[in-house]
Amino acid sequence: MSFFKKLFKNVIKDGDPKDDTVTVKGKPKPRYYGTVTPYPNFNASSDASVLQAAIKSKGVDEDVIIAVLVKRSNEQRQKIKVVYEASTGKSLDKSLKAALRSDLEDVSLALLMAPPHFDAHLLRKATKRLGTDEDVLVEVLATRSNQEIQELKRVFKEVYKTDLEDVIKDETSGDFTTALLAMLKANRAENTEVDTDLARRDAQGAHLPINTCLSVYLLAFQQYACISDITLPKALDMELKGDIEDCLTDIVKCSWNAPAFFAEKLHLAMKGHGTCEDTLIRVLVSRSEIDLKKILEQYRAMYDVSLQEDIMKDTKGHYRDILLGLCGPH
């Protein structure tokens, strides 16, 4: 499949960026599109006691544990962890790991991680298993800000005692490695202004270095979106193969419409026989305080069914309940 045919499949342009701001006290502020919000009248001591009782109760009260975890922001969960350990002498992570099982355990532990630690965990898992999970590497690095990538690298080194760049070099190869290392530099432009002259000049060139391509493909794609299909720049009408094709496709999809990119990920995780639990957990946890509301909207627009309906069909029990809780009211 050609690069652009693959690229445009199921892609919907995101809305006007001006719609993503609200005016507060005369100043524009970004709208909040997360489904998890800070709990009002939050009390870390009370929550820690509730969780301790739920964990100790006969048979473990999963409903109570879920209710607390999905209705507290990540920052609030971090405070609960501190109070829980201070009052019980045990870490909340270890207590939940001992009390819960299977997928519910995985989601709960993921919710207890601060975002940089969760990202570091995802990349470690993606590179440590038998066969590298290239999709996860690209997803994380292409959808995090420069600051988030810098923090991710710091935490990765702190927790795993090795540089993330060295792990990427060891576990990947060729142009794909170069592309990942370019993203790890965390120096890409984060505004939406497009230098169309640069895009036009670079798109006319041939055999561009892959680190230049990371910028050029996005610029040329944005320029292409403003013109007709007939005048597609010949420099981009090409076949790409393997990991680098998937990498560049995902980078552009994320830049064009990140919620649609994640909606597609979730749909594929539940399509056909079997469910990819790792993808469901990764996306719902990582986007729950960023843009999960937008992802829910895109999912319905793209597949004519709500994400919650598909989750109910493909999962069950307390695992289903915690995923639905992260999606917010339905």
Protein backbone atom coordinates (compact mmCIF):
# COMPACT_ATOMS: atom_id res chain seq x y z
CA MET A 1 0.00 0.00 0.00
CA SER A 2 1.43 3.41 -0.91
CA PHE A 3 2.35 5.75 1.91
CA PHE A 4 -0.49 8.20 1.28
CA LYS A 5 -3.15 5.55 0.66
CA LYS A 6 -2.26 3.99 3.99
CA LEU A 7 -2.08 7.40 5.61
CA PHE A 8 -5.53 8.62 4.67
CA LYS A 9 -7.34 5.39 5.55
CA ASN A 10 -9.79 6.23 8.37
CA VAL A 11 -8.17 9.61 9.06
CA ILE A 12 -10.45 12.53 9.94
CA LYS A 13 -9.02 16.03 10.29
CA ASP A 14 -9.18 17.35 13.83
CA GLY A 15 -11.28 20.43 14.54
CA ASP A 16 -10.28 24.08 14.45
CA PRO A 17 -7.52 24.62 17.07
CA LYS A 18 -9.29 27.84 18.08
CA ASP A 19 -12.10 25.67 19.45
CA ASP A 20 -9.62 24.17 21.94
CA THR A 21 -9.41 27.32 24.05
CA VAL A 22 -11.75 29.05 26.47
CA THR A 23 -11.47 32.53 27.88
CA VAL A 24 -10.86 32.72 31.63
CA LYS A 25 -10.52 36.19 33.17
CA GLY A 26 -9.91 37.62 29.73
CA LYS A 27 -7.14 35.15 28.87
CA PRO A 28 -7.31 32.12 26.55
CA LYS A 29 -6.89 28.79 28.33
CA PRO A 30 -6.78 25.30 26.82
CA ARG A 31 -10.01 23.35 27.13
CA TYR A 32 -9.90 20.20 29.21
CA TYR A 33 -10.75 17.06 27.25
CA GLY A 34 -9.90 14.47 29.87
CA THR A 35 -12.54 12.13 31.28
CA VAL A 36 -10.90 11.94 34.71
CA THR A 37 -10.99 15.13 36.76
CA PRO A 38 -9.73 16.04 40.24
CA TYR A 39 -12.16 14.83 42.88
CA PRO A 40 -13.79 17.69 44.81
CA ASN A 41 -13.24 17.78 48.58
CA PHE A 42 -10.37 15.34 48.12
CA ASN A 43 -8.99 13.77 51.29
CA ALA A 44 -5.98 11.51 50.83
CA SER A 45 -6.19 10.10 54.36
CA SER A 46 -9.82 9.13 53.93
CA ASP A 47 -9.16 7.51 50.55
CA ALA A 48 -6.18 5.61 51.90
CA SER A 49 -8.33 4.23 54.73
CA VAL A 50 -11.10 3.26 52.31
CA LEU A 51 -8.65 1.42 50.06
CA GLN A 52 -7.06 -0.34 53.02
CA ALA A 53 -10.46 -1.58 54.18
CA ALA A 54 -11.39 -2.70 50.65
CA ILE A 55 -8.15 -4.63 50.28
CA LYS A 56 -8.46 -6.27 53.69
CA SER A 57 -12.14 -7.14 53.38
CA LYS A 58 -13.06 -10.78 52.88
CA GLY A 59 -12.89 -11.46 49.16
CA VAL A 60 -11.51 -7.96 48.37
CA ASP A 61 -13.99 -5.20 47.49
CA GLU A 62 -13.05 -4.51 43.87
CA ASP A 63 -15.97 -2.13 43.37
CA VAL A 64 -14.69 0.24 46.04
CA ILE A 65 -11.14 0.10 44.70
CA ILE A 66 -12.36 0.91 41.18
CA ALA A 67 -14.57 3.75 42.42
CA VAL A 68 -11.63 5.43 44.14
CA LEU A 69 -9.07 4.95 41.37
CA VAL A 70 -11.16 6.16 38.42
CA LYS A 71 -12.60 9.16 40.25
CA ARG A 72 -9.27 10.61 41.39
CA SER A 73 -6.77 12.45 39.21
CA ASN A 74 -3.26 11.07 38.87
CA GLU A 75 -1.92 13.79 41.13
CA GLN A 76 -4.47 12.80 43.79
CA ARG A 77 -3.54 9.12 43.44
CA GLN A 78 0.10 9.99 44.11
CA LYS A 79 -0.92 11.65 47.37
CA ILE A 80 -3.02 8.64 48.34
CA LYS A 81 0.01 6.39 47.77
CA VAL A 82 2.14 8.47 50.13
CA VAL A 83 -0.48 8.51 52.89
CA TYR A 84 -1.26 4.80 52.46
CA GLU A 85 2.38 3.81 52.93
CA ALA A 86 2.81 6.17 55.87
CA SER A 87 -0.23 4.76 57.64
CA THR A 88 0.15 1.04 56.82
CA GLY A 89 3.88 0.61 56.31
CA LYS A 90 3.16 -1.02 52.95
CA SER A 91 3.17 0.37 49.43
CA LEU A 92 -0.23 0.69 47.81
CA ASP A 93 1.18 -0.80 44.59
CA LYS A 94 2.26 -4.00 46.34
CA SER A 95 -0.98 -4.23 48.31
CA LEU A 96 -3.11 -3.98 45.15
CA LYS A 97 -0.83 -6.38 43.29
CA ALA A 98 -1.39 -8.96 46.02
CA ALA A 99 -5.14 -8.33 46.20
CA LEU A 100 -6.08 -8.13 42.52
CA ARG A 101 -5.63 -10.43 39.55
CA SER A 102 -5.09 -10.37 35.81
CA ASP A 103 -6.23 -7.38 33.74
CA LEU A 104 -7.84 -5.53 36.66
CA GLU A 105 -4.49 -5.68 38.44
CA ASP A 106 -2.71 -4.31 35.37
CA VAL A 107 -5.07 -1.33 34.99
CA SER A 108 -4.97 -0.50 38.69
CA LEU A 109 -1.18 -0.53 38.84
CA ALA A 110 -1.00 1.58 35.68
CA LEU A 111 -3.31 4.18 37.26
CA LEU A 112 -1.01 4.41 40.27
CA MET A 113 2.01 5.39 38.14
CA ALA A 114 2.83 9.03 37.50
CA PRO A 115 2.75 9.72 33.72
CA PRO A 116 6.55 9.74 33.18
CA HIS A 117 6.89 6.47 35.09
CA PHE A 118 4.05 4.90 33.11
CA ASP A 119 5.67 5.98 29.84
CA ALA A 120 9.04 4.60 30.97
CA HIS A 121 7.33 1.36 31.95
CA LEU A 122 5.67 1.12 28.52
CA LEU A 123 8.95 1.60 26.66
CA ARG A 124 10.81 -0.84 28.89
CA LYS A 125 8.11 -3.43 28.31
CA ALA A 126 8.15 -2.75 24.56
CA THR A 127 11.91 -3.33 24.30
CA LYS A 128 12.41 -6.09 26.86
CA ARG A 129 9.99 -8.70 25.53
CA LEU A 130 10.94 -11.25 22.86
CA GLY A 131 10.62 -9.08 19.77
CA THR A 132 10.41 -5.32 20.10
CA ASP A 133 6.95 -3.73 20.05
CA GLU A 134 7.64 -1.03 17.47
CA ASP A 135 4.07 0.33 17.53
CA VAL A 136 4.33 1.22 21.21
CA LEU A 137 7.70 2.93 20.74
CA VAL A 138 6.30 5.15 17.99
CA GLU A 139 3.00 5.80 19.77
CA VAL A 140 4.65 7.05 22.93
CA LEU A 141 7.41 9.12 21.32
CA ALA A 142 5.17 10.64 18.64
CA THR A 143 2.42 11.74 21.04
CA ARG A 144 4.42 13.21 23.94
CA SER A 145 5.61 16.80 24.15
CA ASN A 146 9.30 17.71 24.23
CA GLN A 147 9.09 18.24 27.97
CA GLU A 148 7.35 14.90 28.50
CA ILE A 149 10.02 13.09 26.47
CA GLN A 150 12.80 14.72 28.50
CA GLU A 151 11.09 13.68 31.72
CA LEU A 152 10.50 10.17 30.34
CA LYS A 153 14.21 9.81 29.55
CA ARG A 154 15.17 11.00 33.02
CA VAL A 155 12.83 8.54 34.73
CA PHE A 156 13.90 5.67 32.43
CA LYS A 157 17.55 6.21 33.40
CA GLU A 158 16.65 6.55 37.08
CA VAL A 159 14.50 3.39 37.22
CA TYR A 160 16.25 1.06 34.77
CA LYS A 161 19.85 2.32 35.17
CA THR A 162 20.44 2.71 31.44
CA ASP A 163 19.88 5.39 28.82
CA LEU A 164 16.79 4.98 26.67
CA GLU A 165 18.83 5.95 23.60
CA ASP A 166 21.16 2.99 24.19
CA VAL A 167 18.21 0.61 24.52
CA ILE A 168 16.73 1.90 21.25
CA LYS A 169 20.06 1.40 19.46
CA ASP A 170 20.31 -2.16 20.78
CA GLU A 171 16.73 -3.20 20.04
CA THR A 172 16.03 -1.55 16.67
CA SER A 173 17.91 -1.02 13.43
CA GLY A 174 18.32 1.09 10.29
CA ASP A 175 16.20 4.10 9.45
CA PHE A 176 13.72 3.15 12.15
CA THR A 177 16.43 3.58 14.80
CA THR A 178 17.41 6.94 13.34
CA ALA A 179 13.79 8.09 13.40
CA LEU A 180 13.29 7.08 17.04
CA LEU A 181 16.55 8.75 18.10
CA ALA A 182 15.48 11.91 16.30
CA MET A 183 12.24 11.95 18.30
CA LEU A 184 14.16 11.31 21.52
CA LYS A 185 16.09 14.55 21.01
CA ALA A 186 12.83 16.28 22.00
CA ASN A 187 13.52 19.39 19.94
CA ARG A 188 10.71 19.31 17.40
CA ALA A 189 8.57 22.38 16.78
CA GLU A 190 5.36 22.23 18.79
CA ASN A 191 3.36 24.96 17.06
CA THR A 192 0.93 24.51 14.19
CA GLU A 193 2.53 27.04 11.84
CA VAL A 194 3.72 25.44 8.60
CA ASP A 195 6.71 26.66 6.58
CA THR A 196 5.21 25.81 3.20
CA ASP A 197 8.25 27.10 1.29
CA LEU A 198 10.45 24.65 3.18
CA ALA A 199 7.96 21.86 2.62
CA ARG A 200 7.83 22.62 -1.11
CA ARG A 201 11.63 22.75 -1.47
CA ASP A 202 12.21 19.58 0.53
CA ALA A 203 9.42 17.64 -1.16
CA GLN A 204 11.14 18.29 -4.49
CA GLY A 205 14.36 16.76 -3.24
CA ALA A 206 15.29 13.11 -3.46
CA HIS A 207 16.87 10.68 -1.00
CA LEU A 208 16.42 12.89 2.04
CA PRO A 209 18.07 11.80 5.31
CA ILE A 210 15.54 10.11 7.57
CA ASN A 211 15.89 12.69 10.37
CA THR A 212 15.02 15.40 7.85
CA CYS A 213 12.10 13.31 6.62
CA LEU A 214 10.47 13.39 10.05
CA SER A 215 9.93 17.12 9.61
CA VAL A 216 9.48 17.12 5.86
CA TYR A 217 6.70 14.51 5.75
CA LEU A 218 4.63 16.44 8.24
CA LEU A 219 5.20 19.79 6.50
CA ALA A 220 4.52 18.40 3.06
CA PHE A 221 1.47 16.52 4.30
CA GLN A 222 0.00 19.67 5.82
CA GLN A 223 0.63 21.53 2.57
CA TYR A 224 -0.86 18.66 0.57
CA ALA A 225 -4.04 18.81 2.65
CA CYS A 226 -4.70 22.26 1.24
CA ILE A 227 -4.49 21.25 -2.43
CA SER A 228 -6.22 18.77 -4.71
CA ASP A 229 -5.48 15.06 -4.96
CA ILE A 230 -4.25 15.53 -8.53
CA THR A 231 -1.32 17.71 -7.51
CA LEU A 232 0.11 15.37 -4.91
CA PRO A 233 3.84 16.17 -4.73
CA LYS A 234 5.67 13.48 -6.65
CA ALA A 235 8.42 13.41 -4.07
CA LEU A 236 5.98 11.87 -1.59
CA ASP A 237 4.22 9.52 -4.02
CA MET A 238 6.44 6.64 -3.06
CA GLU A 239 6.51 3.22 -1.47
CA LEU A 240 7.95 2.85 2.00
CA LYS A 241 8.58 -0.52 3.57
CA GLY A 242 8.58 -2.05 7.02
CA ASP A 243 8.95 -0.31 10.37
CA ILE A 244 9.92 3.06 8.91
CA GLU A 245 6.72 3.19 6.82
CA ASP A 246 4.61 2.49 9.91
CA CYS A 247 6.67 4.98 11.91
CA LEU A 248 6.22 7.87 9.47
CA THR A 249 2.55 7.03 8.96
CA ASP A 250 1.90 7.14 12.71
CA ILE A 251 3.87 10.37 13.16
CA VAL A 252 1.77 12.16 10.56
CA LYS A 253 -1.49 10.67 11.81
CA CYS A 254 -0.69 11.84 15.34
CA SER A 255 0.12 15.34 14.13
CA TRP A 256 -2.95 15.51 11.89
CA ASN A 257 -5.45 14.18 14.42
CA ALA A 258 -4.20 12.48 17.58
CA PRO A 259 -7.68 11.53 18.89
CA ALA A 260 -8.48 9.74 15.61
CA PHE A 261 -5.10 7.98 15.80
CA PHE A 262 -5.95 6.64 19.26
CA ALA A 263 -9.53 5.80 18.27
CA GLU A 264 -8.16 3.60 15.51
CA LYS A 265 -5.77 1.93 17.96
CA LEU A 266 -8.66 1.10 20.30
CA HIS A 267 -10.84 -0.18 17.45
CA LEU A 268 -8.11 -2.50 16.18
CA ALA A 269 -7.52 -3.75 19.73
CA MET A 270 -11.09 -5.08 19.84
CA LYS A 271 -11.61 -5.97 16.18
CA GLY A 272 -12.04 -9.63 15.27
CA HIS A 273 -11.34 -12.52 17.64
CA GLY A 274 -9.57 -11.71 20.87
CA THR A 275 -8.80 -8.39 22.51
CA CYS A 276 -5.46 -6.66 22.92
CA GLU A 277 -5.71 -5.78 26.60
CA ASP A 278 -2.33 -4.02 26.59
CA THR A 279 -3.57 -1.49 24.03
CA LEU A 280 -6.85 -0.83 25.83
CA ILE A 281 -5.06 -0.23 29.13
CA ARG A 282 -2.24 1.84 27.61
CA VAL A 283 -4.47 4.21 25.68
CA LEU A 284 -7.26 4.65 28.23
CA VAL A 285 -4.88 5.24 31.13
CA SER A 286 -2.46 7.53 29.27
CA ARG A 287 -5.16 9.67 27.63
CA SER A 288 -7.71 9.80 30.47
CA GLU A 289 -6.50 13.21 31.62
CA ILE A 290 -5.55 14.56 28.19
CA ASP A 291 -8.00 13.97 25.35
CA LEU A 292 -10.08 10.87 26.00
CA LYS A 293 -13.30 12.86 25.48
CA LYS A 294 -12.12 13.69 21.96
CA ILE A 295 -11.11 10.08 21.37
CA LEU A 296 -14.61 8.96 22.35
CA GLU A 297 -16.12 11.43 19.88
CA GLN A 298 -13.79 10.35 17.08
CA TYR A 299 -14.47 6.69 17.79
CA ARG A 300 -18.21 7.15 17.30
CA ALA A 301 -17.65 9.28 14.18
CA MET A 302 -15.30 6.73 12.62
CA TYR A 303 -17.07 3.47 13.55
CA ASP A 304 -20.71 4.47 14.16
CA VAL A 305 -20.68 2.90 17.62
CA SER A 306 -19.53 4.17 20.99
CA LEU A 307 -16.27 3.00 22.51
CA GLN A 308 -18.17 2.06 25.65
CA GLU A 309 -20.44 -0.28 23.66
CA ASP A 310 -17.46 -2.08 22.16
CA ILE A 311 -15.77 -2.34 25.56
CA MET A 312 -18.92 -3.93 26.99
CA LYS A 313 -18.94 -6.49 24.15
CA ASP A 314 -15.26 -7.36 24.40
CA THR A 315 -14.53 -7.32 28.14
CA LYS A 316 -16.25 -8.46 31.31
CA GLY A 317 -16.39 -8.22 35.07
CA HIS A 318 -14.46 -5.70 37.14
CA TYR A 319 -11.97 -5.21 34.31
CA ARG A 320 -14.81 -3.98 32.11
CA ASP A 321 -16.05 -1.74 34.94
CA ILE A 322 -12.73 0.02 35.44
CA LEU A 323 -12.32 0.65 31.70
CA LEU A 324 -15.83 2.09 31.50
CA GLY A 325 -15.09 4.19 34.57
CA LEU A 326 -12.12 5.75 32.80
CA CYS A 327 -14.36 6.63 29.84
CA GLY A 328 -16.55 8.76 32.09
CA PRO A 329 -20.36 8.98 32.14
CA HIS A 330 -22.08 7.16 29.28
